[in-house]
Structures are given as C-alpha cells and as structure tokens.
Amino acid sequence: MVSLGKLEMAVKTEMELALEALERIAQHEKECGERWGEASAELKQLREMATAHAQKWERLAWLVVTITITGTVSVLTTLLS
C-alpha cells in the first residue's frame, strides 16, 4: 500500500514536471515567434529585391524590342526606297 506522503510527493513531482514542461513550451514558442519574425522580414526583403530585379530586366527587354523594331523598320525603308 502506498503511504500518503509518497503519494503527495509523486503528485508534487508530477506537478513540477508539468510546470517545467509548460515553461519549456512557452520558451520554445517565444523562440519560434522570433525566428518567424526574422524569416518574414527576410522574405519581404527578398520580394522587394526580386521586384526591383524584374523591373531592371523588363526595361532591358523593352530596350531590346525597341532596338529590334527600329532596326527592322530602318532596313525595310532602306530596301524599299
């Protein structure tokens, strides 16, 4: 038969374990929240950089298209005159 003192000691130990587990969970949640904030900030920067990069390439593409059309029109007018 288990004595009352041992039972109280076991319950207290279980309670302490539960409280320790809750503290560790809270710490883990805090760390994950901080990492998520950092990751979100990095993703925002990457999105801004990708947008800026895409705009540069779009300008270059329009330049190439404009030069090609101008060159083609120039050649055709030279040949047709």
N, C-alpha and C. Protein backbone atom coordinates (compact mmCIF):
# COMPACT_ATOMS: atom_id res chain seq x y z
N MET A 1 0.84 -1.17 0.00
CA MET A 1 0.00 0.00 0.00
C MET A 1 0.90 1.24 0.00
N VAL A 2 0.51 2.26 -0.75
CA VAL A 2 1.28 3.49 -0.87
C VAL A 2 0.88 4.43 0.26
N SER A 3 1.87 4.96 0.93
CA SER A 3 1.57 5.88 2.02
C SER A 3 1.18 7.24 1.46
N LEU A 4 0.50 8.02 2.25
CA LEU A 4 0.01 9.33 1.85
C LEU A 4 1.17 10.27 1.52
N GLY A 5 2.27 10.19 2.25
CA GLY A 5 3.44 11.03 2.00
C GLY A 5 4.05 10.78 0.64
N LYS A 6 4.15 9.50 0.27
CA LYS A 6 4.72 9.16 -1.05
C LYS A 6 3.79 9.62 -2.16
N LEU A 7 2.48 9.50 -1.94
CA LEU A 7 1.52 9.92 -2.94
C LEU A 7 1.60 11.43 -3.16
N GLU A 8 1.69 12.19 -2.06
CA GLU A 8 1.83 13.65 -2.19
C GLU A 8 3.12 14.01 -2.90
N MET A 9 4.19 13.26 -2.60
CA MET A 9 5.49 13.50 -3.23
C MET A 9 5.40 13.22 -4.73
N ALA A 10 4.70 12.14 -5.12
CA ALA A 10 4.55 11.79 -6.52
C ALA A 10 3.72 12.85 -7.25
N VAL A 11 2.65 13.32 -6.63
CA VAL A 11 1.81 14.34 -7.24
C VAL A 11 2.60 15.63 -7.39
N LYS A 12 3.35 15.98 -6.37
CA LYS A 12 4.15 17.20 -6.44
C LYS A 12 5.18 17.08 -7.55
N THR A 13 5.79 15.94 -7.66
CA THR A 13 6.78 15.73 -8.70
C THR A 13 6.13 15.83 -10.08
N GLU A 14 4.94 15.24 -10.21
CA GLU A 14 4.22 15.33 -11.49
C GLU A 14 3.85 16.78 -11.80
N MET A 15 3.44 17.50 -10.79
CA MET A 15 3.08 18.91 -10.97
C MET A 15 4.31 19.71 -11.38
N GLU A 16 5.42 19.45 -10.74
CA GLU A 16 6.65 20.14 -11.10
C GLU A 16 7.05 19.83 -12.53
N LEU A 17 6.92 18.57 -12.93
CA LEU A 17 7.23 18.18 -14.31
C LEU A 17 6.32 18.89 -15.30
N ALA A 18 5.05 18.97 -14.95
CA ALA A 18 4.09 19.64 -15.84
C ALA A 18 4.42 21.13 -15.96
N LEU A 19 4.76 21.76 -14.84
CA LEU A 19 5.11 23.18 -14.88
C LEU A 19 6.39 23.40 -15.68
N GLU A 20 7.35 22.51 -15.49
CA GLU A 20 8.60 22.62 -16.26
C GLU A 20 8.33 22.46 -17.75
N ALA A 21 7.45 21.50 -18.08
CA ALA A 21 7.11 21.29 -19.49
C ALA A 21 6.42 22.53 -20.06
N LEU A 22 5.53 23.13 -19.28
CA LEU A 22 4.85 24.35 -19.75
C LEU A 22 5.84 25.50 -19.96
N GLU A 23 6.80 25.61 -19.06
CA GLU A 23 7.82 26.65 -19.22
C GLU A 23 8.66 26.42 -20.47
N ARG A 24 9.01 25.16 -20.70
CA ARG A 24 9.80 24.84 -21.89
C ARG A 24 9.00 25.10 -23.16
N ILE A 25 7.72 24.78 -23.13
CA ILE A 25 6.86 25.04 -24.29
C ILE A 25 6.76 26.54 -24.54
N ALA A 26 6.59 27.32 -23.47
CA ALA A 26 6.50 28.77 -23.62
C ALA A 26 7.79 29.34 -24.20
N GLN A 27 8.93 28.83 -23.72
CA GLN A 27 10.23 29.29 -24.25
C GLN A 27 10.36 28.93 -25.72
N HIS A 28 9.94 27.72 -26.06
CA HIS A 28 10.01 27.28 -27.46
C HIS A 28 9.13 28.16 -28.35
N GLU A 29 7.93 28.45 -27.89
CA GLU A 29 7.02 29.31 -28.66
C GLU A 29 7.62 30.69 -28.86
N LYS A 30 8.27 31.21 -27.83
CA LYS A 30 8.90 32.53 -27.92
C LYS A 30 10.01 32.51 -28.97
N GLU A 31 10.86 31.47 -28.93
CA GLU A 31 11.96 31.37 -29.89
C GLU A 31 11.43 31.21 -31.32
N CYS A 32 10.40 30.40 -31.47
CA CYS A 32 9.82 30.21 -32.81
C CYS A 32 9.20 31.51 -33.33
N GLY A 33 8.56 32.25 -32.44
CA GLY A 33 7.98 33.53 -32.84
C GLY A 33 9.04 34.51 -33.31
N GLU A 34 10.17 34.53 -32.60
CA GLU A 34 11.27 35.42 -33.01
C GLU A 34 11.83 34.99 -34.36
N ARG A 35 12.03 33.67 -34.53
CA ARG A 35 12.56 33.19 -35.81
C ARG A 35 11.57 33.47 -36.94
N TRP A 36 10.28 33.32 -36.68
CA TRP A 36 9.27 33.58 -37.70
C TRP A 36 9.30 35.06 -38.09
N GLY A 37 9.48 35.94 -37.12
CA GLY A 37 9.58 37.37 -37.43
C GLY A 37 10.78 37.67 -38.30
N GLU A 38 11.91 37.05 -37.98
CA GLU A 38 13.12 37.25 -38.79
C GLU A 38 12.91 36.70 -40.20
N ALA A 39 12.30 35.53 -40.30
CA ALA A 39 12.07 34.92 -41.61
C ALA A 39 11.11 35.78 -42.44
N SER A 40 10.09 36.31 -41.80
CA SER A 40 9.14 37.17 -42.52
C SER A 40 9.83 38.42 -43.04
N ALA A 41 10.69 39.01 -42.23
CA ALA A 41 11.41 40.21 -42.66
C ALA A 41 12.32 39.88 -43.85
N GLU A 42 13.00 38.73 -43.78
CA GLU A 42 13.87 38.33 -44.89
C GLU A 42 13.07 38.09 -46.15
N LEU A 43 11.91 37.44 -46.03
CA LEU A 43 11.07 37.19 -47.20
C LEU A 43 10.59 38.49 -47.82
N LYS A 44 10.27 39.47 -46.99
CA LYS A 44 9.84 40.77 -47.50
C LYS A 44 10.97 41.42 -48.28
N GLN A 45 12.20 41.36 -47.73
CA GLN A 45 13.35 41.93 -48.44
C GLN A 45 13.60 41.21 -49.76
N LEU A 46 13.49 39.88 -49.74
CA LEU A 46 13.70 39.12 -50.98
C LEU A 46 12.65 39.48 -52.03
N ARG A 47 11.41 39.66 -51.60
CA ARG A 47 10.35 40.02 -52.54
C ARG A 47 10.63 41.39 -53.15
N GLU A 48 11.07 42.35 -52.32
CA GLU A 48 11.40 43.69 -52.83
C GLU A 48 12.58 43.63 -53.80
N MET A 49 13.59 42.82 -53.46
CA MET A 49 14.74 42.69 -54.36
C MET A 49 14.34 42.04 -55.68
N ALA A 50 13.49 41.03 -55.61
CA ALA A 50 13.04 40.35 -56.83
C ALA A 50 12.23 41.29 -57.71
N THR A 51 11.41 42.12 -57.09
CA THR A 51 10.62 43.09 -57.85
C THR A 51 11.53 44.10 -58.55
N ALA A 52 12.51 44.60 -57.82
CA ALA A 52 13.45 45.57 -58.41
C ALA A 52 14.24 44.92 -59.54
N HIS A 53 14.66 43.68 -59.33
CA HIS A 53 15.41 42.95 -60.36
C HIS A 53 14.54 42.74 -61.61
N ALA A 54 13.29 42.38 -61.39
CA ALA A 54 12.38 42.15 -62.52
C ALA A 54 12.16 43.44 -63.31
N GLN A 55 12.08 44.57 -62.61
CA GLN A 55 11.89 45.84 -63.30
C GLN A 55 13.10 46.18 -64.17
N LYS A 56 14.30 45.87 -63.67
CA LYS A 56 15.50 46.12 -64.47
C LYS A 56 15.48 45.27 -65.74
N TRP A 57 15.13 43.99 -65.60
CA TRP A 57 15.11 43.11 -66.77
C TRP A 57 13.99 43.50 -67.74
N GLU A 58 12.88 44.00 -67.20
CA GLU A 58 11.79 44.44 -68.07
C GLU A 58 12.23 45.65 -68.90
N ARG A 59 12.94 46.59 -68.27
CA ARG A 59 13.46 47.74 -69.02
C ARG A 59 14.42 47.28 -70.11
N LEU A 60 15.29 46.34 -69.78
CA LEU A 60 16.23 45.82 -70.77
C LEU A 60 15.49 45.14 -71.92
N ALA A 61 14.45 44.38 -71.59
CA ALA A 61 13.67 43.70 -72.63
C ALA A 61 13.02 44.73 -73.57
N TRP A 62 12.44 45.80 -72.99
CA TRP A 62 11.84 46.83 -73.83
C TRP A 62 12.89 47.52 -74.70
N LEU A 63 14.07 47.72 -74.17
CA LEU A 63 15.15 48.32 -74.95
C LEU A 63 15.50 47.43 -76.14
N VAL A 64 15.62 46.14 -75.90
CA VAL A 64 15.95 45.20 -76.98
C VAL A 64 14.84 45.17 -78.02
N VAL A 65 13.59 45.15 -77.58
CA VAL A 65 12.46 45.14 -78.51
C VAL A 65 12.44 46.42 -79.33
N THR A 66 12.65 47.56 -78.69
CA THR A 66 12.64 48.84 -79.39
C THR A 66 13.77 48.91 -80.42
N ILE A 67 14.96 48.47 -80.03
CA ILE A 67 16.09 48.49 -80.97
C ILE A 67 15.83 47.56 -82.15
N THR A 68 15.26 46.38 -81.86
CA THR A 68 14.97 45.43 -82.94
C THR A 68 13.94 46.00 -83.91
N ILE A 69 12.88 46.60 -83.39
CA ILE A 69 11.84 47.17 -84.27
C ILE A 69 12.42 48.33 -85.07
N THR A 70 13.19 49.20 -84.40
CA THR A 70 13.80 50.34 -85.09
C THR A 70 14.74 49.86 -86.19
N GLY A 71 15.55 48.87 -85.88
CA GLY A 71 16.46 48.31 -86.88
C GLY A 71 15.73 47.70 -88.05
N THR A 72 14.66 46.95 -87.76
CA THR A 72 13.88 46.32 -88.82
C THR A 72 13.22 47.36 -89.70
N VAL A 73 12.63 48.38 -89.10
CA VAL A 73 11.99 49.44 -89.89
C VAL A 73 13.04 50.17 -90.72
N SER A 74 14.21 50.41 -90.17
CA SER A 74 15.28 51.09 -90.89
C SER A 74 15.73 50.28 -92.08
N VAL A 75 15.92 48.99 -91.91
CA VAL A 75 16.33 48.11 -93.02
C VAL A 75 15.25 48.08 -94.09
N LEU A 76 13.99 47.95 -93.68
CA LEU A 76 12.91 47.88 -94.66
C LEU A 76 12.79 49.18 -95.44
N THR A 77 12.90 50.32 -94.80
CA THR A 77 12.82 51.58 -95.54
C THR A 77 14.00 51.75 -96.48
N THR A 78 15.16 51.24 -96.09
CA THR A 78 16.32 51.32 -96.97
C THR A 78 16.12 50.44 -98.18
N LEU A 79 15.59 49.24 -97.98
CA LEU A 79 15.37 48.31 -99.09
C LEU A 79 14.24 48.76 -100.02
N LEU A 80 13.23 49.38 -99.46
CA LEU A 80 12.09 49.79 -100.26
C LEU A 80 12.28 51.14 -100.95
N SER A 81 13.32 51.88 -100.62
CA SER A 81 13.49 53.17 -101.28
C SER A 81 14.34 53.08 -102.51
